[in-house]
Amino acid sequence: MVCAVMLMSLAGATFAEAPQDFAYRAEVAATPGLNVITLSEPVYRAAQTADLRDLRIFNGKGEAFPLAPLPASKVDPGPAHELRMVPLPGQVQARDKVLADFALRIEREGTRSVIELAPIAPPSAPAEETGGYLLDLRPHRDLDGELMLRFAADAPDFTGRIEFLGSDDLYVWRPITSGALVRNRQLGDTIERTAFPVGHVPPFVRVAWTNPRAPRLEGAQLVERGAAPALPRTTLEVARAEGAASWFVDVPQALPIVLVRVRAPQDNVVVRVRVFRYDDRDPRPRARLSLHARRAPERWIAEGGPRDVFRLNRDGQWIESPPFALSARTTQLRIDAIDSAGFTQAPPIVEVEWLPQRYVFAASGPGPYLLAIGNDSGDLKPGPTLETRSVLPQDDAAGTRLPVAHWVTATASGTTDPQRAQRIAREASWSRYVLWGVLLAAVVALALVAWAIAAQIKRGRPAPAKPDTGTSASSSG
């Protein structure tokens, strides 16, 4: 028993985490305290878990730092457009009549509609008579952004839920968004909530509410959604399947893919394909035992219907087939060419756009600081975590004002293989050899046990009694 405890303690000391236990290691330059680092593509490719559970940052003593992922930085807003706003009467019949009058004043110019919105209530009308507002967004139709309402300088406090209704013709209205509109000055400072996200705004928007008292607004703006930064692209490895018309794509399990792009290897060629993703989730347990194939069927799920992939030159400008987003995470894709020609000469080109994740960590102790990832041991435990809400201010939850750690050098151990499929195949072969060895040892052990039992039975069996010939002769005489 003592020997077993000593062996377990020795094993625990032997398998303690160290930078050398990770396949990928990179030195980073950081300052003592909180730092932010953006993960690179090699980090994601070396990860052995989809949730980056094997990510560590060590100091010179081999101590792991507390770290945590950060939310994506907010995109800078686009231009703001001042909107034409008209107050509507509070009575339903009067409001519908005004909207009908506006609709009748629409002038048709081919496929365009022109309307002049002018104030319908005199400036001296009390705010209590206002039952809604009409916003003209025809110049900004189908834009995405935020509707920003603006209270009047002398407007009273207001707290209530408002609803935005959209229309194309001022007759048929549909809800597009809703939320709380707030103006509160009871604590001294003015607290307002006046922004409401919208997408594909219609030509006309009506602001409505259910409160008996109306908010006193003096204007509205549409702030366009800012252009998102260009995401990095990377090319995935493609291998030919058994069939000439099918190709397999190796997808790194940890890479945060946003969009997938597939195109033919030659320019100005259009190929119709179907894309499937592999579903590696555990199947549901069988309700009852039954005869079935020894090899479970592969689970491939179609990513939409057939699509055309291409890269064409049109008047000196290159246009590519549109990308698509995966409906779920996967580790492998399959591309089937529907056309008879397909990809006969070269495999398809598969590129993905991915969103780099930012991590915050608390650096301390001596350097050098090493980011390590790629530990596939079965007993991997989560590393030290950092509670971001307690260390980051509320106005900088994304850590945009923190020092940025920079990459210095990167090294990879001999166990790292850029061809993940080949590495998995080698591991599967080694596992198969180990399994056969265990089975052979079990057979030998069973044979030895059977031999020992047979020998014991043979030694304990009594010898058979011989017949007494002398006694028989005297009895007969």
Protein backbone atom coordinates (compact mmCIF):
# COMPACT_ATOMS: atom_id res chain seq x y z
CA MET A 1 0.00 0.00 0.00
CA VAL A 2 2.82 2.39 0.90
CA CYS A 3 4.54 1.59 -2.38
CA ALA A 4 1.34 2.37 -4.30
CA VAL A 5 0.99 5.76 -2.59
CA MET A 6 4.63 6.56 -3.34
CA LEU A 7 4.19 5.61 -6.97
CA MET A 8 1.07 7.81 -7.25
CA SER A 9 2.91 10.75 -5.68
CA LEU A 10 5.84 10.24 -8.01
CA ALA A 11 3.49 10.10 -11.00
CA GLY A 12 1.78 13.33 -9.92
CA ALA A 13 5.12 15.07 -9.57
CA THR A 14 6.26 13.72 -12.91
CA PHE A 15 3.15 14.92 -14.81
CA ALA A 16 3.03 18.41 -13.30
CA GLU A 17 2.51 21.01 -16.04
CA ALA A 18 5.62 22.61 -17.51
CA PRO A 19 6.19 24.57 -20.73
CA GLN A 20 7.98 21.55 -22.21
CA ASP A 21 4.75 19.52 -21.98
CA PHE A 22 3.09 21.69 -24.65
CA ALA A 23 3.62 21.23 -28.36
CA TYR A 24 3.72 24.94 -29.23
CA ARG A 25 5.57 27.57 -27.21
CA ALA A 26 6.07 31.25 -28.02
CA GLU A 27 7.90 33.92 -26.06
CA VAL A 28 5.92 37.10 -25.50
CA ALA A 29 7.04 40.52 -24.29
CA ALA A 30 4.76 41.82 -21.53
CA THR A 31 4.85 44.21 -18.60
CA PRO A 32 4.15 43.19 -15.00
CA GLY A 33 0.42 43.47 -14.34
CA LEU A 34 -2.52 43.14 -16.70
CA ASN A 35 -1.74 42.61 -20.38
CA VAL A 36 -3.73 41.80 -23.51
CA ILE A 37 -2.58 39.41 -26.20
CA THR A 38 -4.26 38.50 -29.49
CA LEU A 39 -3.94 34.84 -30.39
CA SER A 40 -2.30 33.98 -33.70
CA GLU A 41 -3.12 31.29 -36.23
CA PRO A 42 -0.36 28.85 -35.10
CA VAL A 43 -1.83 28.97 -31.58
CA TYR A 44 -5.21 27.82 -32.84
CA ARG A 45 -3.71 25.12 -35.04
CA ALA A 46 -1.70 23.69 -32.13
CA ALA A 47 -4.65 23.68 -29.70
CA GLN A 48 -5.88 20.25 -28.65
CA THR A 49 -9.25 21.46 -27.32
CA ALA A 50 -11.94 23.51 -29.03
CA ASP A 51 -12.35 25.78 -25.97
CA LEU A 52 -8.58 26.42 -25.63
CA ARG A 53 -8.52 24.67 -22.28
CA ASP A 54 -4.86 23.82 -22.85
CA LEU A 55 -3.76 27.47 -23.20
CA ARG A 56 -1.17 28.61 -20.63
CA ILE A 57 1.18 31.56 -20.11
CA PHE A 58 4.21 30.78 -17.91
CA ASN A 59 6.88 32.94 -16.30
CA GLY A 60 10.52 32.06 -15.88
CA LYS A 61 9.76 29.90 -12.83
CA GLY A 62 7.25 27.78 -14.74
CA GLU A 63 4.24 29.32 -12.95
CA ALA A 64 1.05 29.72 -14.98
CA PHE A 65 -0.62 33.14 -15.01
CA PRO A 66 -4.38 33.67 -14.50
CA LEU A 67 -5.98 34.52 -17.83
CA ALA A 68 -9.44 34.98 -19.37
CA PRO A 69 -10.92 35.70 -22.82
CA LEU A 70 -12.08 39.22 -23.59
CA PRO A 71 -15.19 40.28 -25.51
CA ALA A 72 -14.72 41.60 -29.01
CA SER A 73 -13.94 45.29 -29.30
CA LYS A 74 -16.80 47.50 -30.38
CA VAL A 75 -16.81 48.63 -33.99
CA ASP A 76 -16.48 52.37 -34.46
CA PRO A 77 -19.85 53.83 -35.51
CA GLY A 78 -20.42 55.08 -39.01
CA PRO A 79 -21.82 58.43 -40.13
CA ALA A 80 -24.90 59.90 -38.43
CA HIS A 81 -27.91 61.11 -40.45
CA GLU A 82 -30.39 63.61 -39.10
CA LEU A 83 -33.93 62.38 -39.75
CA ARG A 84 -37.06 64.30 -40.54
CA MET A 85 -39.48 63.78 -37.66
CA VAL A 86 -43.16 64.72 -37.54
CA PRO A 87 -45.33 64.46 -34.38
CA LEU A 88 -48.60 62.56 -34.76
CA PRO A 89 -51.90 63.28 -32.94
CA GLY A 90 -52.79 61.29 -29.88
CA GLN A 91 -56.27 60.29 -31.04
CA VAL A 92 -56.29 57.18 -33.19
CA GLN A 93 -58.70 58.50 -35.81
CA ALA A 94 -56.81 61.78 -36.17
CA ARG A 95 -53.48 59.94 -36.40
CA ASP A 96 -54.79 57.57 -39.09
CA LYS A 97 -56.19 60.51 -41.05
CA VAL A 98 -52.84 62.30 -40.97
CA LEU A 99 -51.00 59.18 -42.13
CA ALA A 100 -53.55 58.72 -44.92
CA ASP A 101 -53.06 62.35 -45.99
CA PHE A 102 -49.30 61.81 -46.16
CA ALA A 103 -49.80 58.65 -48.18
CA LEU A 104 -52.05 60.47 -50.66
CA ARG A 105 -49.39 63.13 -51.13
CA ILE A 106 -46.86 60.60 -52.41
CA GLU A 107 -45.85 61.52 -55.94
CA ARG A 108 -44.81 58.67 -58.20
CA GLU A 109 -41.83 59.11 -60.52
CA GLY A 110 -41.42 55.75 -62.21
CA THR A 111 -40.37 53.38 -59.49
CA ARG A 112 -39.54 56.19 -57.03
CA SER A 113 -41.82 57.77 -54.45
CA VAL A 114 -41.41 61.38 -53.34
CA ILE A 115 -43.10 62.74 -50.23
CA GLU A 116 -42.76 66.04 -48.37
CA LEU A 117 -43.09 65.73 -44.60
CA ALA A 118 -44.00 68.96 -42.87
CA PRO A 119 -45.05 69.58 -39.25
CA ILE A 120 -48.73 68.77 -38.85
CA ALA A 121 -49.18 70.18 -35.36
CA PRO A 122 -48.66 73.86 -34.48
CA PRO A 123 -45.54 74.53 -32.37
CA SER A 124 -47.74 75.67 -29.49
CA ALA A 125 -49.56 72.33 -29.27
CA PRO A 126 -49.09 70.72 -25.83
CA ALA A 127 -46.88 67.63 -25.69
CA GLU A 128 -49.67 65.62 -24.07
CA GLU A 129 -51.57 65.67 -27.35
CA THR A 130 -48.73 63.91 -29.19
CA GLY A 131 -49.46 60.22 -29.75
CA GLY A 132 -46.42 59.25 -31.81
CA TYR A 133 -43.74 60.38 -34.21
CA LEU A 134 -43.23 59.67 -37.88
CA LEU A 135 -39.62 59.32 -39.14
CA ASP A 136 -38.66 59.63 -42.80
CA LEU A 137 -35.84 57.18 -43.63
CA ARG A 138 -36.29 56.91 -47.38
CA PRO A 139 -32.76 58.23 -48.15
CA HIS A 140 -31.30 55.58 -45.83
CA ARG A 141 -33.41 52.59 -46.72
CA ASP A 142 -31.99 49.11 -45.89
CA LEU A 143 -29.14 50.49 -43.80
CA ASP A 144 -28.09 48.92 -40.49
CA GLY A 145 -27.35 50.94 -37.41
CA GLU A 146 -28.97 52.58 -34.40
CA LEU A 147 -31.92 54.93 -34.13
CA MET A 148 -30.99 57.70 -31.68
CA LEU A 149 -33.90 59.70 -30.23
CA ARG A 150 -33.24 63.12 -28.73
CA PHE A 151 -35.22 64.65 -25.88
CA ALA A 152 -36.02 68.33 -25.81
CA ALA A 153 -33.88 70.40 -23.45
CA ASP A 154 -36.85 71.14 -21.12
CA ALA A 155 -38.47 67.71 -21.54
CA PRO A 156 -39.76 66.12 -18.30
CA ASP A 157 -38.49 62.77 -17.11
CA PHE A 158 -39.85 59.76 -18.94
CA THR A 159 -39.56 56.02 -18.43
CA GLY A 160 -41.54 53.66 -20.62
CA ARG A 161 -41.42 51.09 -23.37
CA ILE A 162 -41.64 52.30 -26.94
CA GLU A 163 -42.12 50.40 -30.17
CA PHE A 164 -40.84 51.13 -33.66
CA LEU A 165 -43.20 50.24 -36.53
CA GLY A 166 -41.99 50.17 -40.12
CA SER A 167 -43.87 50.70 -43.37
CA ASP A 168 -43.19 50.96 -47.08
CA ASP A 169 -46.39 52.79 -48.02
CA LEU A 170 -47.71 54.41 -44.79
CA TYR A 171 -50.65 51.97 -44.83
CA VAL A 172 -49.30 48.60 -43.70
CA TRP A 173 -47.16 48.70 -40.54
CA ARG A 174 -44.98 45.97 -39.02
CA PRO A 175 -42.94 45.93 -35.79
CA ILE A 176 -39.19 46.22 -36.30
CA THR A 177 -37.84 46.71 -32.75
CA SER A 178 -38.78 47.87 -29.27
CA GLY A 179 -37.12 48.82 -26.00
CA ALA A 180 -37.11 51.11 -22.99
CA LEU A 181 -36.84 54.87 -23.45
CA VAL A 182 -35.45 56.57 -20.33
CA ARG A 183 -34.77 60.13 -19.19
CA ASN A 184 -34.10 60.53 -15.46
CA ARG A 185 -32.65 63.53 -13.59
CA GLN A 186 -33.61 62.63 -10.03
CA LEU A 187 -30.01 61.85 -9.03
CA GLY A 188 -28.66 65.16 -10.32
CA ASP A 189 -27.04 63.88 -13.50
CA THR A 190 -29.18 63.22 -16.55
CA ILE A 191 -29.46 59.51 -17.28
CA GLU A 192 -30.79 58.69 -20.73
CA ARG A 193 -31.29 55.59 -22.82
CA THR A 194 -32.18 56.64 -26.33
CA ALA A 195 -30.37 54.20 -28.69
CA PHE A 196 -32.16 51.32 -30.43
CA PRO A 197 -30.40 48.95 -32.88
CA VAL A 198 -32.18 48.35 -36.19
CA GLY A 199 -31.38 46.47 -39.36
CA HIS A 200 -32.55 47.04 -42.94
CA VAL A 201 -34.57 50.08 -41.98
CA PRO A 202 -37.78 50.62 -43.98
CA PRO A 203 -38.63 53.94 -45.69
CA PHE A 204 -40.95 55.08 -42.87
CA VAL A 205 -40.78 54.39 -39.15
CA ARG A 206 -43.41 55.28 -36.56
CA VAL A 207 -42.57 55.64 -32.86
CA ALA A 208 -45.42 54.50 -30.60
CA TRP A 209 -45.88 53.91 -26.86
CA THR A 210 -48.50 52.75 -24.41
CA ASN A 211 -47.81 55.20 -21.56
CA PRO A 212 -50.52 57.77 -20.93
CA ARG A 213 -47.87 60.50 -21.00
CA ALA A 214 -45.86 61.09 -24.16
CA PRO A 215 -42.10 61.68 -24.31
CA ARG A 216 -41.18 65.13 -25.54
CA LEU A 217 -38.72 64.57 -28.38
CA GLU A 218 -37.13 67.18 -30.61
CA GLY A 219 -35.18 65.06 -33.09
CA ALA A 220 -33.87 61.69 -34.21
CA GLN A 221 -30.77 60.36 -35.94
CA LEU A 222 -29.75 57.17 -37.72
CA VAL A 223 -26.16 56.23 -36.89
CA GLU A 224 -24.88 53.74 -39.43
CA ARG A 225 -23.16 50.61 -38.25
CA GLY A 226 -19.43 50.97 -38.71
CA ALA A 227 -17.52 48.81 -41.10
CA ALA A 228 -16.08 45.81 -39.33
CA PRO A 229 -12.32 45.35 -39.64
CA ALA A 230 -11.08 42.93 -42.27
CA LEU A 231 -10.71 39.46 -40.81
CA PRO A 232 -7.58 37.37 -41.45
CA ARG A 233 -7.78 34.60 -44.02
CA THR A 234 -6.11 31.23 -44.01
CA THR A 235 -6.10 28.33 -46.44
CA LEU A 236 -7.19 24.92 -45.23
CA GLU A 237 -5.66 21.63 -46.30
CA VAL A 238 -7.64 19.67 -48.89
CA ALA A 239 -7.19 15.95 -49.62
CA ARG A 240 -8.80 13.81 -52.29
CA ALA A 241 -11.35 11.26 -51.12
CA GLU A 242 -11.78 7.77 -52.50
CA GLY A 243 -14.15 9.10 -55.12
CA ALA A 244 -12.72 11.46 -57.74
CA ALA A 245 -15.57 13.92 -57.23
CA SER A 246 -15.19 14.29 -53.44
CA TRP A 247 -12.62 16.17 -51.38
CA PHE A 248 -12.01 16.31 -47.64
CA VAL A 249 -11.05 19.54 -45.82
CA ASP A 250 -9.28 19.45 -42.46
CA VAL A 251 -10.76 22.12 -40.15
CA PRO A 252 -8.77 23.05 -37.02
CA GLN A 253 -11.12 22.42 -34.12
CA ALA A 254 -10.15 25.58 -32.20
CA LEU A 255 -9.98 28.07 -35.08
CA PRO A 256 -12.86 30.57 -34.60
CA ILE A 257 -14.13 30.44 -38.18
CA VAL A 258 -16.59 33.11 -39.27
CA LEU A 259 -16.91 32.51 -43.03
CA VAL A 260 -15.88 29.77 -45.46
CA ARG A 261 -14.91 30.45 -49.08
CA VAL A 262 -14.69 27.73 -51.73
CA ARG A 263 -13.60 28.33 -55.31
CA ALA A 264 -12.22 26.45 -58.26
CA PRO A 265 -8.42 26.26 -58.66
CA GLN A 266 -8.64 27.89 -62.09
CA ASP A 267 -9.93 31.40 -62.65
CA ASN A 268 -12.97 32.05 -64.85
CA VAL A 269 -14.30 28.55 -64.15
CA VAL A 270 -17.63 27.82 -62.45
CA VAL A 271 -18.15 24.52 -60.62
CA ARG A 272 -21.36 23.47 -58.87
CA VAL A 273 -20.68 21.76 -55.55
CA ARG A 274 -22.33 20.61 -52.36
CA VAL A 275 -20.63 21.14 -49.01
CA PHE A 276 -21.09 18.80 -46.04
CA ARG A 277 -19.81 19.10 -42.49
CA TYR A 278 -18.96 16.12 -40.33
CA ASP A 279 -21.05 15.69 -37.20
CA ASP A 280 -18.70 14.18 -34.61
CA ARG A 281 -21.16 14.26 -31.74
CA ASP A 282 -21.88 11.00 -29.93
CA PRO A 283 -24.94 9.28 -31.41
CA ARG A 284 -27.96 8.71 -29.24
CA PRO A 285 -27.96 5.36 -27.42
CA ARG A 286 -29.95 2.59 -29.04
CA ALA A 287 -33.33 1.85 -27.50
CA ARG A 288 -32.81 -1.89 -27.93
CA LEU A 289 -30.13 -4.24 -29.10
CA SER A 290 -30.33 -5.27 -32.72
CA LEU A 291 -28.11 -6.48 -35.49
CA HIS A 292 -26.33 -3.63 -37.22
CA ALA A 293 -23.23 -2.96 -39.27
CA ARG A 294 -19.95 -3.29 -37.44
CA ARG A 295 -18.89 0.12 -38.81
CA ALA A 296 -21.18 2.98 -37.85
CA PRO A 297 -22.33 5.11 -40.80
CA GLU A 298 -20.54 8.42 -41.23
CA ARG A 299 -22.68 11.40 -40.27
CA TRP A 300 -22.42 14.11 -42.93
CA ILE A 301 -24.80 17.07 -42.81
CA ALA A 302 -25.34 19.28 -45.85
CA GLU A 303 -24.52 22.98 -45.48
CA GLY A 304 -27.37 24.29 -47.60
CA GLY A 305 -28.13 23.25 -51.15
CA PRO A 306 -25.91 23.18 -54.24
CA ARG A 307 -23.81 26.29 -54.77
CA ASP A 308 -21.66 27.65 -57.59
CA VAL A 309 -18.02 28.41 -56.75
CA PHE A 310 -15.97 30.68 -58.99
CA ARG A 311 -13.54 33.58 -59.36
CA LEU A 312 -14.39 35.54 -62.49
CA ASN A 313 -12.87 38.56 -64.20
CA ARG A 314 -15.50 41.14 -65.11
CA ASP A 315 -14.15 44.23 -66.84
CA GLY A 316 -10.88 44.08 -64.97
CA GLN A 317 -12.48 43.40 -61.57
CA TRP A 318 -12.43 40.02 -59.87
CA ILE A 319 -15.65 38.74 -58.38
CA GLU A 320 -15.75 35.65 -56.16
CA SER A 321 -18.54 33.36 -55.15
CA PRO A 322 -20.07 34.51 -51.86
CA PRO A 323 -18.84 32.94 -48.62
CA PHE A 324 -21.05 31.07 -46.19
CA ALA A 325 -21.10 30.51 -42.45
CA LEU A 326 -21.06 27.05 -40.91
CA SER A 327 -24.23 26.12 -39.06
CA ALA A 328 -22.17 24.36 -36.35
CA ARG A 329 -18.57 23.71 -35.43
CA THR A 330 -16.87 20.78 -37.11
CA THR A 331 -13.46 19.22 -37.65
CA GLN A 332 -13.91 18.21 -41.27
CA LEU A 333 -15.72 19.29 -44.43
CA ARG A 334 -16.53 17.33 -47.54
CA ILE A 335 -16.92 18.97 -50.94
CA ASP A 336 -18.73 17.01 -53.66
CA ALA A 337 -18.49 18.31 -57.21
CA ILE A 338 -21.83 17.97 -58.97
CA ASP A 339 -20.52 18.86 -62.42
CA SER A 340 -19.10 16.06 -64.50
CA ALA A 341 -15.75 17.85 -64.89
CA GLY A 342 -15.48 18.94 -61.27
CA PHE A 343 -11.98 19.47 -59.90
CA THR A 344 -10.16 17.05 -62.16
CA GLN A 345 -6.76 18.71 -62.37
CA ALA A 346 -6.33 20.26 -58.92
CA PRO A 347 -8.23 20.32 -55.62
CA PRO A 348 -10.59 23.17 -54.77
CA ILE A 349 -9.23 26.16 -52.88
CA VAL A 350 -10.82 26.50 -49.43
CA GLU A 351 -10.18 29.64 -47.40
CA VAL A 352 -11.73 30.70 -44.12
CA GLU A 353 -12.05 34.05 -42.40
CA TRP A 354 -11.60 33.81 -38.64
CA LEU A 355 -11.91 36.18 -35.70
CA PRO A 356 -8.76 36.40 -33.52
CA GLN A 357 -9.56 36.05 -29.83
CA ARG A 358 -8.06 38.46 -27.30
CA TYR A 359 -6.98 37.26 -23.85
CA VAL A 360 -6.11 39.22 -20.73
CA PHE A 361 -3.55 37.82 -18.29
CA ALA A 362 -1.84 38.98 -15.09
CA ALA A 363 1.93 38.80 -15.54
CA SER A 364 4.22 38.51 -12.53
CA GLY A 365 7.57 37.09 -11.61
CA PRO A 366 10.71 36.85 -13.70
CA GLY A 367 10.82 36.31 -17.43
CA PRO A 368 10.90 35.12 -20.05
CA TYR A 369 7.13 34.81 -20.48
CA LEU A 370 6.06 31.83 -22.58
CA LEU A 371 2.66 31.19 -24.16
CA ALA A 372 2.19 27.43 -24.41
CA ILE A 373 -0.57 25.36 -25.99
CA GLY A 374 -1.01 21.86 -27.37
CA ASN A 375 -1.23 19.52 -24.39
CA ASP A 376 -3.36 16.51 -25.26
CA SER A 377 -2.87 14.56 -22.05
CA GLY A 378 -6.00 12.85 -20.82
CA ASP A 379 -5.77 14.30 -17.29
CA LEU A 380 -5.49 17.94 -18.42
CA LYS A 381 -6.93 20.27 -15.78
CA PRO A 382 -8.16 23.84 -16.34
CA GLY A 383 -5.55 26.51 -15.76
CA PRO A 384 -5.85 29.50 -13.41
CA THR A 385 -8.61 31.88 -14.47
CA LEU A 386 -9.07 35.62 -14.12
CA GLU A 387 -12.35 37.33 -13.18
CA THR A 388 -12.51 40.16 -15.72
CA ARG A 389 -15.45 41.98 -14.13
CA SER A 390 -13.45 42.53 -10.95
CA VAL A 391 -10.23 43.74 -12.62
CA LEU A 392 -11.54 45.74 -15.61
CA PRO A 393 -13.57 48.97 -15.39
CA GLN A 394 -17.12 48.97 -16.70
CA ASP A 395 -16.31 51.49 -19.42
CA ASP A 396 -13.50 49.30 -20.76
CA ALA A 397 -14.84 45.75 -20.51
CA ALA A 398 -12.92 44.83 -23.69
CA GLY A 399 -9.57 45.91 -22.23
CA THR A 400 -8.79 48.37 -25.04
CA ARG A 401 -6.68 50.56 -22.73
CA LEU A 402 -4.49 47.75 -21.36
CA PRO A 403 -0.86 47.20 -22.44
CA VAL A 404 -0.53 44.90 -25.43
CA ALA A 405 1.82 41.91 -25.23
CA HIS A 406 3.91 41.31 -28.36
CA TRP A 407 5.17 38.09 -29.90
CA VAL A 408 8.93 37.54 -29.75
CA THR A 409 9.81 34.00 -30.84
CA ALA A 410 7.97 30.75 -31.33
CA THR A 411 9.18 27.17 -31.01
CA ALA A 412 7.49 23.83 -31.48
CA SER A 413 8.38 20.51 -29.98
CA GLY A 414 9.19 17.46 -32.06
CA THR A 415 5.71 16.06 -31.42
CA THR A 416 4.07 18.88 -33.36
CA ASP A 417 3.03 17.91 -36.85
CA PRO A 418 1.56 20.43 -39.27
CA GLN A 419 -0.41 17.59 -40.86
CA ARG A 420 -2.95 16.93 -38.15
CA ALA A 421 -4.55 14.10 -40.11
CA GLN A 422 -1.23 12.27 -40.37
CA ARG A 423 -0.54 12.78 -36.67
CA ILE A 424 -3.96 11.38 -35.78
CA ALA A 425 -3.31 8.41 -38.06
CA ARG A 426 0.01 7.70 -36.36
CA GLU A 427 -1.60 7.94 -32.95
CA ALA A 428 -4.34 5.57 -34.09
CA SER A 429 -1.73 3.07 -35.32
CA TRP A 430 0.18 3.25 -32.05
CA SER A 431 -3.05 2.80 -30.11
CA ARG A 432 -3.87 -0.24 -32.24
CA TYR A 433 -0.47 -1.81 -31.47
CA VAL A 434 -0.95 -1.17 -27.76
CA LEU A 435 -4.43 -2.72 -27.90
CA TRP A 436 -3.11 -5.86 -29.62
CA GLY A 437 -0.34 -6.10 -27.03
CA VAL A 438 -2.83 -5.86 -24.19
CA LEU A 439 -5.04 -8.52 -25.79
CA LEU A 440 -2.05 -10.84 -26.30
CA ALA A 441 -0.97 -10.36 -22.70
CA ALA A 442 -4.52 -11.13 -21.55
CA VAL A 443 -4.61 -14.34 -23.60
CA VAL A 444 -1.26 -15.46 -22.16
CA ALA A 445 -2.45 -14.68 -18.63
CA LEU A 446 -5.64 -16.67 -19.15
CA ALA A 447 -3.64 -19.61 -20.52
CA LEU A 448 -1.36 -19.55 -17.47
CA VAL A 449 -4.34 -19.44 -15.12
CA ALA A 450 -5.97 -22.38 -16.91
CA TRP A 451 -2.73 -24.36 -16.78
CA ALA A 452 -2.35 -23.68 -13.05
CA ILE A 453 -5.93 -24.75 -12.33
CA ALA A 454 -5.49 -27.95 -14.36
CA ALA A 455 -2.24 -28.80 -12.54
CA GLN A 456 -3.87 -28.19 -9.15
CA ILE A 457 -6.79 -30.44 -10.01
CA LYS A 458 -4.44 -33.16 -11.20
CA ARG A 459 -2.38 -33.11 -7.98
CA GLY A 460 -5.44 -33.29 -5.72
CA ARG A 461 -7.18 -36.23 -7.52
CA PRO A 462 -6.94 -39.64 -5.51
CA ALA A 463 -5.34 -42.72 -7.21
CA PRO A 464 -7.78 -45.50 -8.33
CA ALA A 465 -8.00 -48.65 -6.02
CA LYS A 466 -6.42 -51.92 -7.34
CA PRO A 467 -8.35 -55.30 -6.98
CA ASP A 468 -7.14 -57.68 -4.09
CA THR A 469 -6.33 -61.02 -5.88
CA GLY A 470 -5.16 -62.90 -2.73
CA THR A 471 -8.33 -62.42 -0.80
CA SER A 472 -10.36 -63.60 -3.75
CA ALA A 473 -8.37 -66.87 -4.03
CA SER A 474 -8.72 -67.80 -0.35
CA SER A 475 -12.42 -67.11 -0.44
CA SER A 476 -12.94 -69.39 -3.40
CA GLY A 477 -10.95 -72.23 -1.73
